[in-house]
């Protein structure tokens, strides 16, 4: 057949002039065949798709060429000026930008290495939290960047969790109605540790009771009330301090009797030896937990 595989080429969006050359006919004849096969709409859509891909390919090539030129300029600047500079942040920023394919902007990289330099000069351990300040770069990526330019990330080892703390997590998650944020707050144990213990022990734990209200917030409101904050500050100021609304404060205070009972009972379950009856941990209790 003269027009064998024509339908396949039309469906693939091959240019009509290219098809015409292959079959030795005019472009108009191929377009007529497209209409005869009732494939004009499909052909048009496929042609647009191919054109778009071709355009993207050209732009990608131009972009690569542009980056190549830019890197050559930075290479020149690096070799002539910054290679021998004593300023670590400038040297490492250009070093990483030049010799790696990165999506990080120069300003972010410069901030990261500047944070590192400050930490080194002040004889501090450059933790990921300190280094990420003002960079918006993830902790994992920070480690990779530093490794690439030969800098060391000093990871501070966390204090191992004690059996007493594990037991506290198990009891609070199994025997109280507290959510994850509540347990973290009342046990003074970091959230990721609480999650890990519950996962290991196969304990289902509530993420949050309510988007706007939980026992942690209620406890903070009652502590502020008993400490005289509402006398020194307005309700609006206390709400701003606790990152909540005045309506939430009103709700907590109006229902204090009921909510306070739940918190106090939960604290008694977590700390059986507890003598205090307040719906919050006192400063003395918190200090004792840290020691």
C-alpha atoms as a PDB file:
ATOM      1  CA  UNK A   1       0.000   0.000   0.000  1.00  0.00           C
ATOM      2  CA  UNK A   2       1.232   3.467  -0.919  1.00  0.00           C
ATOM      3  CA  UNK A   3       0.076   5.097   2.339  1.00  0.00           C
ATOM      4  CA  UNK A   4       1.145   2.309   4.680  1.00  0.00           C
ATOM      5  CA  UNK A   5       1.730   3.531   8.298  1.00  0.00           C
ATOM      6  CA  UNK A   6       0.305   6.958   7.365  1.00  0.00           C
ATOM      7  CA  UNK A   7      -2.268   6.857  10.175  1.00  0.00           C
ATOM      8  CA  UNK A   8       0.469   6.086  12.726  1.00  0.00           C
ATOM      9  CA  UNK A   9       2.575   9.057  11.597  1.00  0.00           C
ATOM     10  CA  UNK A  10      -0.433  11.370  11.668  1.00  0.00           C
ATOM     11  CA  UNK A  11      -1.267  10.249  15.196  1.00  0.00           C
ATOM     12  CA  UNK A  12       2.352  10.848  16.201  1.00  0.00           C
ATOM     13  CA  UNK A  13       2.103  14.464  14.950  1.00  0.00           C
ATOM     14  CA  UNK A  14       4.847  14.199  12.299  1.00  0.00           C
ATOM     15  CA  UNK A  15       5.068  17.337  10.129  1.00  0.00           C
ATOM     16  CA  UNK A  16       2.899  17.048   6.973  1.00  0.00           C
ATOM     17  CA  UNK A  17       5.780  18.224   4.723  1.00  0.00           C
ATOM     18  CA  UNK A  18       7.989  15.468   6.148  1.00  0.00           C
ATOM     19  CA  UNK A  19       5.277  12.850   5.506  1.00  0.00           C
ATOM     20  CA  UNK A  20       4.723  14.197   1.976  1.00  0.00           C
ATOM     21  CA  UNK A  21       8.446  13.876   1.153  1.00  0.00           C
ATOM     22  CA  UNK A  22       8.455  10.278   2.408  1.00  0.00           C
ATOM     23  CA  UNK A  23       5.503   9.247   0.174  1.00  0.00           C
ATOM     24  CA  UNK A  24       6.500  11.424  -2.781  1.00  0.00           C
ATOM     25  CA  UNK A  25       3.331  13.521  -2.815  1.00  0.00           C
ATOM     26  CA  UNK A  26       2.457  17.136  -2.057  1.00  0.00           C
ATOM     27  CA  UNK A  27       1.803  18.477   1.430  1.00  0.00           C
ATOM     28  CA  UNK A  28      -1.755  19.357   0.364  1.00  0.00           C
ATOM     29  CA  UNK A  29      -2.390  15.709  -0.540  1.00  0.00           C
ATOM     30  CA  UNK A  30      -1.312  14.571   2.936  1.00  0.00           C
ATOM     31  CA  UNK A  31      -3.551  17.197   4.573  1.00  0.00           C
ATOM     32  CA  UNK A  32      -6.430  15.927   2.409  1.00  0.00           C
ATOM     33  CA  UNK A  33      -5.761  12.374   3.628  1.00  0.00           C
ATOM     34  CA  UNK A  34      -5.771  13.634   7.238  1.00  0.00           C
ATOM     35  CA  UNK A  35      -9.243  15.112   6.665  1.00  0.00           C
ATOM     36  CA  UNK A  36     -10.432  11.932   4.895  1.00  0.00           C
ATOM     37  CA  UNK A  37      -9.371   9.843   7.905  1.00  0.00           C
ATOM     38  CA  UNK A  38     -11.164  12.332  10.229  1.00  0.00           C
ATOM     39  CA  UNK A  39      -7.933  12.862  12.207  1.00  0.00           C
ATOM     40  CA  UNK A  40      -7.513  16.613  11.786  1.00  0.00           C
ATOM     41  CA  UNK A  41      -8.252  17.575  15.447  1.00  0.00           C
ATOM     42  CA  UNK A  42      -6.000  14.823  16.798  1.00  0.00           C
ATOM     43  CA  UNK A  43      -3.241  15.753  14.323  1.00  0.00           C
ATOM     44  CA  UNK A  44      -3.439  19.433  15.268  1.00  0.00           C
ATOM     45  CA  UNK A  45      -3.215  18.625  18.994  1.00  0.00           C
ATOM     46  CA  UNK A  46      -0.225  16.306  18.434  1.00  0.00           C
ATOM     47  CA  UNK A  47       1.531  18.924  16.292  1.00  0.00           C
ATOM     48  CA  UNK A  48       1.145  21.517  19.083  1.00  0.00           C
ATOM     49  CA  UNK A  49       2.506  19.005  21.589  1.00  0.00           C
ATOM     50  CA  UNK A  50       5.571  18.273  19.407  1.00  0.00           C
ATOM     51  CA  UNK A  51       6.192  22.002  18.839  1.00  0.00           C
ATOM     52  CA  UNK A  52       6.021  22.639  22.585  1.00  0.00           C
ATOM     53  CA  UNK A  53       8.518  19.845  23.317  1.00  0.00           C
ATOM     54  CA  UNK A  54      10.865  21.141  20.612  1.00  0.00           C
ATOM     55  CA  UNK A  55      10.663  24.668  22.038  1.00  0.00           C
ATOM     56  CA  UNK A  56      11.388  23.381  25.563  1.00  0.00           C
ATOM     57  CA  UNK A  57      14.377  21.440  24.223  1.00  0.00           C
ATOM     58  CA  UNK A  58      15.771  24.560  22.509  1.00  0.00           C
ATOM     59  CA  UNK A  59      15.253  26.630  25.669  1.00  0.00           C
ATOM     60  CA  UNK A  60      16.971  23.937  27.751  1.00  0.00           C
ATOM     61  CA  UNK A  61      19.966  23.981  25.402  1.00  0.00           C
ATOM     62  CA  UNK A  62      20.121  27.792  25.540  1.00  0.00           C
ATOM     63  CA  UNK A  63      19.809  27.674  29.314  1.00  0.00           C
ATOM     64  CA  UNK A  64      22.676  25.184  29.563  1.00  0.00           C
ATOM     65  CA  UNK A  65      24.801  27.348  27.291  1.00  0.00           C
ATOM     66  CA  UNK A  66      23.945  30.418  29.383  1.00  0.00           C
ATOM     67  CA  UNK A  67      24.905  28.619  32.586  1.00  0.00           C
ATOM     68  CA  UNK A  68      28.140  27.489  30.937  1.00  0.00           C
ATOM     69  CA  UNK A  69      29.064  31.087  30.087  1.00  0.00           C
ATOM     70  CA  UNK A  70      28.084  32.256  33.563  1.00  0.00           C
ATOM     71  CA  UNK A  71      30.190  29.537  35.162  1.00  0.00           C
ATOM     72  CA  UNK A  72      33.159  30.540  33.015  1.00  0.00           C
ATOM     73  CA  UNK A  73      32.808  34.110  34.306  1.00  0.00           C
ATOM     74  CA  UNK A  74      32.592  32.933  37.908  1.00  0.00           C
ATOM     75  CA  UNK A  75      35.530  30.587  37.313  1.00  0.00           C
ATOM     76  CA  UNK A  76      37.599  33.575  36.200  1.00  0.00           C
ATOM     77  CA  UNK A  77      36.518  35.621  39.252  1.00  0.00           C
ATOM     78  CA  UNK A  78      37.178  32.675  41.566  1.00  0.00           C
ATOM     79  CA  UNK A  79      40.661  32.016  40.186  1.00  0.00           C
ATOM     80  CA  UNK A  80      41.726  35.677  40.162  1.00  0.00           C
ATOM     81  CA  UNK A  81      40.125  37.038  43.328  1.00  0.00           C
ATOM     82  CA  UNK A  82      38.464  34.642  45.766  1.00  0.00           C
ATOM     83  CA  UNK A  83      40.676  31.555  45.614  1.00  0.00           C
ATOM     84  CA  UNK A  84      43.248  33.166  47.857  1.00  0.00           C
ATOM     85  CA  UNK A  85      40.859  35.154  50.043  1.00  0.00           C
ATOM     86  CA  UNK A  86      40.756  34.512  53.775  1.00  0.00           C
ATOM     87  CA  UNK A  87      36.967  34.877  53.851  1.00  0.00           C
ATOM     88  CA  UNK A  88      35.648  31.319  53.965  1.00  0.00           C
ATOM     89  CA  UNK A  89      32.031  32.223  53.108  1.00  0.00           C
ATOM     90  CA  UNK A  90      32.933  33.879  49.783  1.00  0.00           C
ATOM     91  CA  UNK A  91      35.418  31.189  48.767  1.00  0.00           C
ATOM     92  CA  UNK A  92      33.164  28.230  49.529  1.00  0.00           C
ATOM     93  CA  UNK A  93      30.075  29.871  47.975  1.00  0.00           C
ATOM     94  CA  UNK A  94      31.811  30.238  44.616  1.00  0.00           C
ATOM     95  CA  UNK A  95      33.509  26.855  44.943  1.00  0.00           C
ATOM     96  CA  UNK A  96      30.182  25.051  45.412  1.00  0.00           C
ATOM     97  CA  UNK A  97      28.355  27.119  42.771  1.00  0.00           C
ATOM     98  CA  UNK A  98      31.086  26.529  40.176  1.00  0.00           C
ATOM     99  CA  UNK A  99      31.774  22.860  40.582  1.00  0.00           C
ATOM    100  CA  UNK A 100      28.282  21.445  41.213  1.00  0.00           C
ATOM    101  CA  UNK A 101      24.912  21.507  39.504  1.00  0.00           C
ATOM    102  CA  UNK A 102      22.813  23.353  42.081  1.00  0.00           C
ATOM    103  CA  UNK A 103      19.416  25.003  42.298  1.00  0.00           C
ATOM    104  CA  UNK A 104      20.452  27.037  45.325  1.00  0.00           C
ATOM    105  CA  UNK A 105      20.916  30.732  44.688  1.00  0.00           C
ATOM    106  CA  UNK A 106      24.216  32.455  45.410  1.00  0.00           C
ATOM    107  CA  UNK A 107      22.609  34.514  48.178  1.00  0.00           C
ATOM    108  CA  UNK A 108      21.380  31.365  50.006  1.00  0.00           C
ATOM    109  CA  UNK A 109      24.752  29.667  49.666  1.00  0.00           C
ATOM    110  CA  UNK A 110      26.572  32.783  50.852  1.00  0.00           C
ATOM    111  CA  UNK A 111      24.276  32.987  53.913  1.00  0.00           C
ATOM    112  CA  UNK A 112      24.854  29.297  54.693  1.00  0.00           C
ATOM    113  CA  UNK A 113      28.659  29.565  54.545  1.00  0.00           C
ATOM    114  CA  UNK A 114      28.537  32.884  56.399  1.00  0.00           C
ATOM    115  CA  UNK A 115      26.618  31.172  59.234  1.00  0.00           C
ATOM    116  CA  UNK A 116      29.218  28.396  59.215  1.00  0.00           C
ATOM    117  CA  UNK A 117      32.091  30.902  59.368  1.00  0.00           C
ATOM    118  CA  UNK A 118      30.499  32.774  62.288  1.00  0.00           C
ATOM    119  CA  UNK A 119      30.003  29.515  64.200  1.00  0.00           C
ATOM    120  CA  UNK A 120      33.624  28.488  63.643  1.00  0.00           C
ATOM    121  CA  UNK A 121      34.962  31.915  64.655  1.00  0.00           C
ATOM    122  CA  UNK A 122      32.883  31.910  67.848  1.00  0.00           C
ATOM    123  CA  UNK A 123      34.093  28.366  68.599  1.00  0.00           C
ATOM    124  CA  UNK A 124      30.553  26.991  68.523  1.00  0.00           C
ATOM    125  CA  UNK A 125      29.426  23.722  67.008  1.00  0.00           C
ATOM    126  CA  UNK A 126      27.788  24.638  63.660  1.00  0.00           C
ATOM    127  CA  UNK A 127      24.510  22.764  64.119  1.00  0.00           C
ATOM    128  CA  UNK A 128      22.075  22.372  61.216  1.00  0.00           C
ATOM    129  CA  UNK A 129      19.531  24.664  62.904  1.00  0.00           C
ATOM    130  CA  UNK A 130      22.041  27.502  63.207  1.00  0.00           C
ATOM    131  CA  UNK A 131      23.364  26.990  59.692  1.00  0.00           C
ATOM    132  CA  UNK A 132      19.911  26.911  58.088  1.00  0.00           C
ATOM    133  CA  UNK A 133      18.940  30.295  59.566  1.00  0.00           C
ATOM    134  CA  UNK A 134      17.896  32.631  56.761  1.00  0.00           C
ATOM    135  CA  UNK A 135      18.703  30.115  54.004  1.00  0.00           C
ATOM    136  CA  UNK A 136      15.525  28.040  53.636  1.00  0.00           C
ATOM    137  CA  UNK A 137      17.772  25.037  52.857  1.00  0.00           C
ATOM    138  CA  UNK A 138      16.771  21.664  54.345  1.00  0.00           C
ATOM    139  CA  UNK A 139      18.945  20.054  57.021  1.00  0.00           C
ATOM    140  CA  UNK A 140      19.784  17.032  54.816  1.00  0.00           C
ATOM    141  CA  UNK A 141      20.844  19.236  51.905  1.00  0.00           C
ATOM    142  CA  UNK A 142      23.049  21.344  54.210  1.00  0.00           C
ATOM    143  CA  UNK A 143      25.034  18.216  55.113  1.00  0.00           C
ATOM    144  CA  UNK A 144      25.518  17.383  51.409  1.00  0.00           C
ATOM    145  CA  UNK A 145      26.640  20.930  50.550  1.00  0.00           C
ATOM    146  CA  UNK A 146      29.217  21.035  53.358  1.00  0.00           C
ATOM    147  CA  UNK A 147      30.544  17.587  52.458  1.00  0.00           C
ATOM    148  CA  UNK A 148      30.935  18.643  48.806  1.00  0.00           C
ATOM    149  CA  UNK A 149      33.234  21.560  49.680  1.00  0.00           C
ATOM    150  CA  UNK A 150      35.163  19.663  52.349  1.00  0.00           C
ATOM    151  CA  UNK A 151      33.587  21.217  55.456  1.00  0.00           C
ATOM    152  CA  UNK A 152      32.595  19.219  58.507  1.00  0.00           C
ATOM    153  CA  UNK A 153      29.165  19.308  60.124  1.00  0.00           C
ATOM    154  CA  UNK A 154      29.462  18.762  63.856  1.00  0.00           C
ATOM    155  CA  UNK A 155      26.367  16.896  64.931  1.00  0.00           C
ATOM    156  CA  UNK A 156      25.530  17.296  68.562  1.00  0.00           C
ATOM    157  CA  UNK A 157      24.615  13.933  70.034  1.00  0.00           C
ATOM    158  CA  UNK A 158      21.305  13.890  71.858  1.00  0.00           C
ATOM    159  CA  UNK A 159      21.120  12.580  75.388  1.00  0.00           C
ATOM    160  CA  UNK A 160      19.811   8.979  75.220  1.00  0.00           C
ATOM    161  CA  UNK A 161      16.225   8.579  76.409  1.00  0.00           C
ATOM    162  CA  UNK A 162      15.883   6.938  79.815  1.00  0.00           C
ATOM    163  CA  UNK A 163      13.653   3.991  80.759  1.00  0.00           C
ATOM    164  CA  UNK A 164      11.705   6.358  83.004  1.00  0.00           C
ATOM    165  CA  UNK A 165      10.953   8.660  80.049  1.00  0.00           C
ATOM    166  CA  UNK A 166       9.908   5.704  77.858  1.00  0.00           C
ATOM    167  CA  UNK A 167       7.528   4.551  80.588  1.00  0.00           C
ATOM    168  CA  UNK A 168       6.167   8.094  80.904  1.00  0.00           C
ATOM    169  CA  UNK A 169       5.414   8.187  77.165  1.00  0.00           C
ATOM    170  CA  UNK A 170       3.740   4.756  77.236  1.00  0.00           C
ATOM    171  CA  UNK A 171       1.550   5.646  80.207  1.00  0.00           C
ATOM    172  CA  UNK A 172       0.526   9.074  78.900  1.00  0.00           C
ATOM    173  CA  UNK A 173      -0.364   7.732  75.436  1.00  0.00           C
ATOM    174  CA  UNK A 174      -2.229   4.643  76.663  1.00  0.00           C
ATOM    175  CA  UNK A 175      -3.958   5.808  79.841  1.00  0.00           C
ATOM    176  CA  UNK A 176      -4.852   9.449  79.111  1.00  0.00           C
ATOM    177  CA  UNK A 177      -6.850  11.185  76.421  1.00  0.00           C
ATOM    178  CA  UNK A 178      -3.973  13.514  75.575  1.00  0.00           C
ATOM    179  CA  UNK A 179      -2.869  14.244  72.032  1.00  0.00           C
ATOM    180  CA  UNK A 180       0.706  14.190  70.717  1.00  0.00           C
ATOM    181  CA  UNK A 181       1.304  17.911  71.346  1.00  0.00           C
ATOM    182  CA  UNK A 182      -0.197  17.581  74.849  1.00  0.00           C
ATOM    183  CA  UNK A 183       2.066  14.634  75.752  1.00  0.00           C
ATOM    184  CA  UNK A 184       5.131  16.438  74.390  1.00  0.00           C
ATOM    185  CA  UNK A 185       4.280  19.486  76.492  1.00  0.00           C
ATOM    186  CA  UNK A 186       3.434  17.711  79.756  1.00  0.00           C
ATOM    187  CA  UNK A 187       6.274  15.165  79.631  1.00  0.00           C
ATOM    188  CA  UNK A 188       8.955  17.649  78.470  1.00  0.00           C
ATOM    189  CA  UNK A 189      10.051  15.083  75.855  1.00  0.00           C
ATOM    190  CA  UNK A 190      10.644  16.049  72.227  1.00  0.00           C
ATOM    191  CA  UNK A 191       7.882  15.224  69.745  1.00  0.00           C
ATOM    192  CA  UNK A 192       9.983  13.028  67.447  1.00  0.00           C
ATOM    193  CA  UNK A 193      11.011  10.879  70.455  1.00  0.00           C
ATOM    194  CA  UNK A 194       7.361  10.477  71.537  1.00  0.00           C
ATOM    195  CA  UNK A 195       6.457   9.458  67.957  1.00  0.00           C
ATOM    196  CA  UNK A 196       9.341   6.974  67.768  1.00  0.00           C
ATOM    197  CA  UNK A 197       8.486   5.309  71.095  1.00  0.00           C
ATOM    198  CA  UNK A 198       4.795   5.036  70.205  1.00  0.00           C
ATOM    199  CA  UNK A 199       5.662   3.569  66.802  1.00  0.00           C
ATOM    200  CA  UNK A 200       8.017   1.012  68.384  1.00  0.00           C
ATOM    201  CA  UNK A 201       5.405   0.070  70.988  1.00  0.00           C
ATOM    202  CA  UNK A 202       2.623   0.047  68.341  1.00  0.00           C
ATOM    203  CA  UNK A 203       0.618   2.629  70.257  1.00  0.00           C
ATOM    204  CA  UNK A 204      -1.893   4.709  68.326  1.00  0.00           C
ATOM    205  CA  UNK A 205      -1.674   8.329  69.351  1.00  0.00           C
ATOM    206  CA  UNK A 206      -3.874  11.286  68.478  1.00  0.00           C
ATOM    207  CA  UNK A 207      -2.115  13.962  66.456  1.00  0.00           C
ATOM    208  CA  UNK A 208      -4.319  16.838  67.661  1.00  0.00           C
ATOM    209  CA  UNK A 209      -7.630  17.172  69.486  1.00  0.00           C
ATOM    210  CA  UNK A 210      -8.629  20.347  67.733  1.00  0.00           C
ATOM    211  CA  UNK A 211      -6.988  22.759  65.336  1.00  0.00           C
ATOM    212  CA  UNK A 212      -7.591  25.705  67.672  1.00  0.00           C
ATOM    213  CA  UNK A 213      -7.797  24.170  71.146  1.00  0.00           C
ATOM    214  CA  UNK A 214      -6.018  21.447  73.145  1.00  0.00           C
ATOM    215  CA  UNK A 215      -5.130  20.641  76.757  1.00  0.00           C
ATOM    216  CA  UNK A 216      -1.655  22.126  76.332  1.00  0.00           C
ATOM    217  CA  UNK A 217      -3.162  25.512  75.437  1.00  0.00           C
ATOM    218  CA  UNK A 218      -5.745  25.259  78.239  1.00  0.00           C
ATOM    219  CA  UNK A 219      -2.948  24.510  80.724  1.00  0.00           C
ATOM    220  CA  UNK A 220      -0.997  27.553  79.508  1.00  0.00           C
ATOM    221  CA  UNK A 221      -4.077  29.762  79.882  1.00  0.00           C
ATOM    222  CA  UNK A 222      -4.703  28.564  83.459  1.00  0.00           C
ATOM    223  CA  UNK A 223      -1.049  29.051  84.368  1.00  0.00           C
ATOM    224  CA  UNK A 224      -1.162  32.593  82.962  1.00  0.00           C
ATOM    225  CA  UNK A 225      -4.349  33.285  84.922  1.00  0.00           C
ATOM    226  CA  UNK A 226      -2.946  31.951  88.222  1.00  0.00           C
ATOM    227  CA  UNK A 227       0.358  33.782  87.703  1.00  0.00           C
ATOM    228  CA  UNK A 228      -1.420  37.132  87.390  1.00  0.00           C
ATOM    229  CA  UNK A 229      -0.770  37.717  83.686  1.00  0.00           C
ATOM    230  CA  UNK A 230      -4.354  38.891  83.151  1.00  0.00           C
ATOM    231  CA  UNK A 231      -3.792  41.673  85.706  1.00  0.00           C
ATOM    232  CA  UNK A 232      -0.567  42.904  84.088  1.00  0.00           C
ATOM    233  CA  UNK A 233      -1.669  42.433  80.467  1.00  0.00           C
ATOM    234  CA  UNK A 234      -4.932  42.722  78.568  1.00  0.00           C
ATOM    235  CA  UNK A 235      -6.730  39.625  77.318  1.00  0.00           C
ATOM    236  CA  UNK A 236      -5.706  40.518  73.740  1.00  0.00           C
ATOM    237  CA  UNK A 237      -2.029  40.693  74.746  1.00  0.00           C
ATOM    238  CA  UNK A 238      -2.196  37.322  76.523  1.00  0.00           C
ATOM    239  CA  UNK A 239      -3.915  35.838  73.446  1.00  0.00           C
ATOM    240  CA  UNK A 240      -1.114  37.160  71.247  1.00  0.00           C
ATOM    241  CA  UNK A 241       1.497  35.792  73.640  1.00  0.00           C
ATOM    242  CA  UNK A 242      -0.084  32.310  73.540  1.00  0.00           C
ATOM    243  CA  UNK A 243      -0.742  32.507  69.781  1.00  0.00           C
ATOM    244  CA  UNK A 244      -4.497  32.058  70.197  1.00  0.00           C
ATOM    245  CA  UNK A 245      -7.717  34.095  70.202  1.00  0.00           C
ATOM    246  CA  UNK A 246      -9.649  35.847  72.997  1.00  0.00           C
ATOM    247  CA  UNK A 247     -12.601  33.536  72.233  1.00  0.00           C
ATOM    248  CA  UNK A 248     -10.438  30.496  72.987  1.00  0.00           C
ATOM    249  CA  UNK A 249      -9.308  32.070  76.270  1.00  0.00           C
ATOM    250  CA  UNK A 250     -12.946  32.793  77.214  1.00  0.00           C
ATOM    251  CA  UNK A 251     -13.920  29.193  76.394  1.00  0.00           C
ATOM    252  CA  UNK A 252     -11.058  27.765  78.496  1.00  0.00           C
ATOM    253  CA  UNK A 253     -11.863  29.984  81.488  1.00  0.00           C
ATOM    254  CA  UNK A 254     -15.626  29.395  81.302  1.00  0.00           C
ATOM    255  CA  UNK A 255     -15.116  25.608  81.216  1.00  0.00           C
ATOM    256  CA  UNK A 256     -12.146  25.543  83.594  1.00  0.00           C
ATOM    257  CA  UNK A 257     -13.752  23.219  86.118  1.00  0.00           C
ATOM    258  CA  UNK A 258     -14.296  20.456  83.555  1.00  0.00           C
ATOM    259  CA  UNK A 259     -11.067  20.895  81.552  1.00  0.00           C
ATOM    260  CA  UNK A 260      -8.923  21.377  84.654  1.00  0.00           C
ATOM    261  CA  UNK A 261     -10.141  18.049  86.034  1.00  0.00           C
ATOM    262  CA  UNK A 262      -9.044  16.188  82.868  1.00  0.00           C
ATOM    263  CA  UNK A 263      -5.598  17.818  82.886  1.00  0.00           C
ATOM    264  CA  UNK A 264      -5.018  17.233  86.611  1.00  0.00           C
ATOM    265  CA  UNK A 265      -6.045  13.564  86.308  1.00  0.00           C
ATOM    266  CA  UNK A 266      -3.757  13.100  83.283  1.00  0.00           C
ATOM    267  CA  UNK A 267      -0.810  14.651  85.136  1.00  0.00           C
ATOM    268  CA  UNK A 268      -1.494  12.327  88.078  1.00  0.00           C
ATOM    269  CA  UNK A 269      -1.374   9.345  85.721  1.00  0.00           C
ATOM    270  CA  UNK A 270       1.914  10.525  84.162  1.00  0.00           C
ATOM    271  CA  UNK A 271       3.433  11.460  87.550  1.00  0.00           C
ATOM    272  CA  UNK A 272       1.853   9.155  90.219  1.00  0.00           C
ATOM    273  CA  UNK A 273       4.026  10.695  92.955  1.00  0.00           C
ATOM    274  CA  UNK A 274       2.805  14.221  92.101  1.00  0.00           C
ATOM    275  CA  UNK A 275       1.468  16.203  95.085  1.00  0.00           C
ATOM    276  CA  UNK A 276       0.502  19.413  93.269  1.00  0.00           C
ATOM    277  CA  UNK A 277      -3.122  19.726  92.091  1.00  0.00           C
ATOM    278  CA  UNK A 278      -2.631  22.526  89.529  1.00  0.00           C
ATOM    279  CA  UNK A 279      -3.647  21.862  85.880  1.00  0.00           C
ATOM    280  CA  UNK A 280      -0.089  22.672  84.830  1.00  0.00           C
ATOM    281  CA  UNK A 281       3.425  21.740  85.856  1.00  0.00           C
ATOM    282  CA  UNK A 282       4.904  24.273  88.246  1.00  0.00           C
ATOM    283  CA  UNK A 283       8.347  25.781  87.641  1.00  0.00           C
ATOM    284  CA  UNK A 284       9.782  23.578  90.417  1.00  0.00           C
ATOM    285  CA  UNK A 285       8.381  20.459  88.721  1.00  0.00           C
ATOM    286  CA  UNK A 286       9.772  21.469  85.338  1.00  0.00           C
ATOM    287  CA  UNK A 287      13.227  22.093  86.822  1.00  0.00           C
ATOM    288  CA  UNK A 288      13.144  18.672  88.467  1.00  0.00           C
ATOM    289  CA  UNK A 289      12.319  17.047  85.105  1.00  0.00           C
ATOM    290  CA  UNK A 290      15.311  18.692  83.419  1.00  0.00           C
ATOM    291  CA  UNK A 291      17.741  17.466  86.104  1.00  0.00           C
END
